[in-house]
Amino acid sequence: MNNNIAERFKQARKLSGHTRESLACAVHTDVSSITKIETGGVRQPRNIERYGRILGVNPAWLQFGDPNPRVIPGYGG
């Protein structure tokens, strides 16, 4: 069950094929920032739109768990 941002974020990252390292590189951040999100240390990531685009998911789903995780074509890194 993916009822919080940490779980949804980790699920989206894995399904997208990204490692923490590759996602950090794509977003221009460090691995510790990704780890903090995935372990619940960050509840409102600053780059949620960018994460959603790179991971190929709806940023609203990523942040709030809105019903539709997928976004329009063209999203995804």
C-alpha atoms as a PDB file:
ATOM      1  CA  MET A   1       0.000   0.000   0.000  1.00  0.00           C
ATOM      2  CA  ASN A   2       1.345   3.404  -0.918  1.00  0.00           C
ATOM      3  CA  ASN A   3      -0.453   5.712   1.475  1.00  0.00           C
ATOM      4  CA  ASN A   4       2.287   8.253   2.082  1.00  0.00           C
ATOM      5  CA  ILE A   5       4.670  10.280  -0.018  1.00  0.00           C
ATOM      6  CA  ALA A   6       7.703   8.213   0.987  1.00  0.00           C
ATOM      7  CA  GLU A   7       6.089   4.973  -0.216  1.00  0.00           C
ATOM      8  CA  ARG A   8       4.688   6.505  -3.401  1.00  0.00           C
ATOM      9  CA  PHE A   9       7.998   8.175  -4.207  1.00  0.00           C
ATOM     10  CA  LYS A  10       9.974   4.971  -3.743  1.00  0.00           C
ATOM     11  CA  GLN A  11       7.443   2.973  -5.769  1.00  0.00           C
ATOM     12  CA  ALA A  12       7.532   5.492  -8.625  1.00  0.00           C
ATOM     13  CA  ARG A  13      11.326   5.585  -8.604  1.00  0.00           C
ATOM     14  CA  LYS A  14      11.632   1.816  -8.789  1.00  0.00           C
ATOM     15  CA  LEU A  15       8.974   1.474 -11.495  1.00  0.00           C
ATOM     16  CA  SER A  16      10.705   4.149 -13.552  1.00  0.00           C
ATOM     17  CA  GLY A  17      13.943   2.171 -13.433  1.00  0.00           C
ATOM     18  CA  HIS A  18      15.849   4.878 -11.583  1.00  0.00           C
ATOM     19  CA  THR A  19      18.245   4.210  -8.774  1.00  0.00           C
ATOM     20  CA  ARG A  20      18.554   6.817  -6.051  1.00  0.00           C
ATOM     21  CA  GLU A  21      21.787   7.896  -7.694  1.00  0.00           C
ATOM     22  CA  SER A  22      20.366   8.238 -11.201  1.00  0.00           C
ATOM     23  CA  LEU A  23      17.327  10.136  -9.950  1.00  0.00           C
ATOM     24  CA  ALA A  24      19.496  12.501  -7.932  1.00  0.00           C
ATOM     25  CA  CYS A  25      21.576  13.166 -11.039  1.00  0.00           C
ATOM     26  CA  ALA A  26      18.477  13.770 -13.192  1.00  0.00           C
ATOM     27  CA  VAL A  27      17.029  16.228 -10.670  1.00  0.00           C
ATOM     28  CA  HIS A  28      20.403  17.880  -9.953  1.00  0.00           C
ATOM     29  CA  THR A  29      20.371  17.076  -6.262  1.00  0.00           C
ATOM     30  CA  ASP A  30      22.266  14.735  -3.992  1.00  0.00           C
ATOM     31  CA  VAL A  31      21.422  11.159  -3.058  1.00  0.00           C
ATOM     32  CA  SER A  32      20.800  12.147   0.561  1.00  0.00           C
ATOM     33  CA  SER A  33      17.855  14.298  -0.578  1.00  0.00           C
ATOM     34  CA  ILE A  34      16.278  11.308  -2.330  1.00  0.00           C
ATOM     35  CA  THR A  35      16.926   9.121   0.704  1.00  0.00           C
ATOM     36  CA  LYS A  36      15.274  11.668   3.009  1.00  0.00           C
ATOM     37  CA  ILE A  37      12.131  11.696   0.864  1.00  0.00           C
ATOM     38  CA  GLU A  38      11.981   7.899   0.696  1.00  0.00           C
ATOM     39  CA  THR A  39      12.454   7.479   4.439  1.00  0.00           C
ATOM     40  CA  GLY A  40       9.854  10.068   5.400  1.00  0.00           C
ATOM     41  CA  GLY A  41      12.266  12.798   6.399  1.00  0.00           C
ATOM     42  CA  VAL A  42      10.806  15.204   3.832  1.00  0.00           C
ATOM     43  CA  ARG A  43       7.057  15.530   3.456  1.00  0.00           C
ATOM     44  CA  GLN A  44       6.935  18.341   0.907  1.00  0.00           C
ATOM     45  CA  PRO A  45       9.803  18.080  -1.569  1.00  0.00           C
ATOM     46  CA  ARG A  46      10.654  21.373  -3.267  1.00  0.00           C
ATOM     47  CA  ASN A  47      10.957  19.882  -6.744  1.00  0.00           C
ATOM     48  CA  ILE A  48       7.790  17.767  -6.756  1.00  0.00           C
ATOM     49  CA  GLU A  49       6.864  18.845 -10.309  1.00  0.00           C
ATOM     50  CA  ARG A  50      10.298  17.917 -11.583  1.00  0.00           C
ATOM     51  CA  TYR A  51      10.272  14.594  -9.730  1.00  0.00           C
ATOM     52  CA  GLY A  52       6.865  13.793 -11.201  1.00  0.00           C
ATOM     53  CA  ARG A  53       8.007  14.631 -14.711  1.00  0.00           C
ATOM     54  CA  ILE A  54      11.181  12.550 -14.432  1.00  0.00           C
ATOM     55  CA  LEU A  55       9.426   9.621 -12.773  1.00  0.00           C
ATOM     56  CA  GLY A  56       6.507   9.742 -15.213  1.00  0.00           C
ATOM     57  CA  VAL A  57       3.843  10.225 -12.572  1.00  0.00           C
ATOM     58  CA  ASN A  58       1.344  12.887 -11.646  1.00  0.00           C
ATOM     59  CA  PRO A  59       3.000  15.217  -9.103  1.00  0.00           C
ATOM     60  CA  ALA A  60      -0.352  15.463  -7.262  1.00  0.00           C
ATOM     61  CA  TRP A  61      -0.390  11.684  -6.877  1.00  0.00           C
ATOM     62  CA  LEU A  62       3.200  11.735  -5.704  1.00  0.00           C
ATOM     63  CA  GLN A  63       2.520  14.440  -3.118  1.00  0.00           C
ATOM     64  CA  PHE A  64      -1.055  13.741  -2.029  1.00  0.00           C
ATOM     65  CA  GLY A  65      -2.039  10.309  -3.334  1.00  0.00           C
ATOM     66  CA  ASP A  66      -4.562  11.629  -5.864  1.00  0.00           C
ATOM     67  CA  PRO A  67      -6.285   8.730  -7.644  1.00  0.00           C
ATOM     68  CA  ASN A  68      -4.472   8.838 -10.995  1.00  0.00           C
ATOM     69  CA  PRO A  69      -0.738   8.151 -10.741  1.00  0.00           C
ATOM     70  CA  ARG A  70      -0.044   8.476 -14.464  1.00  0.00           C
ATOM     71  CA  VAL A  71       0.324  11.721 -16.332  1.00  0.00           C
ATOM     72  CA  ILE A  72      -0.046  12.861 -19.892  1.00  0.00           C
ATOM     73  CA  PRO A  73       2.402  11.559 -22.506  1.00  0.00           C
ATOM     74  CA  GLY A  74       5.689  13.394 -22.566  1.00  0.00           C
ATOM     75  CA  TYR A  75       6.317  13.034 -18.854  1.00  0.00           C
ATOM     76  CA  GLY A  76       9.062  10.732 -17.738  1.00  0.00           C
ATOM     77  CA  GLY A  77      12.780  10.916 -17.824  1.00  0.00           C
END
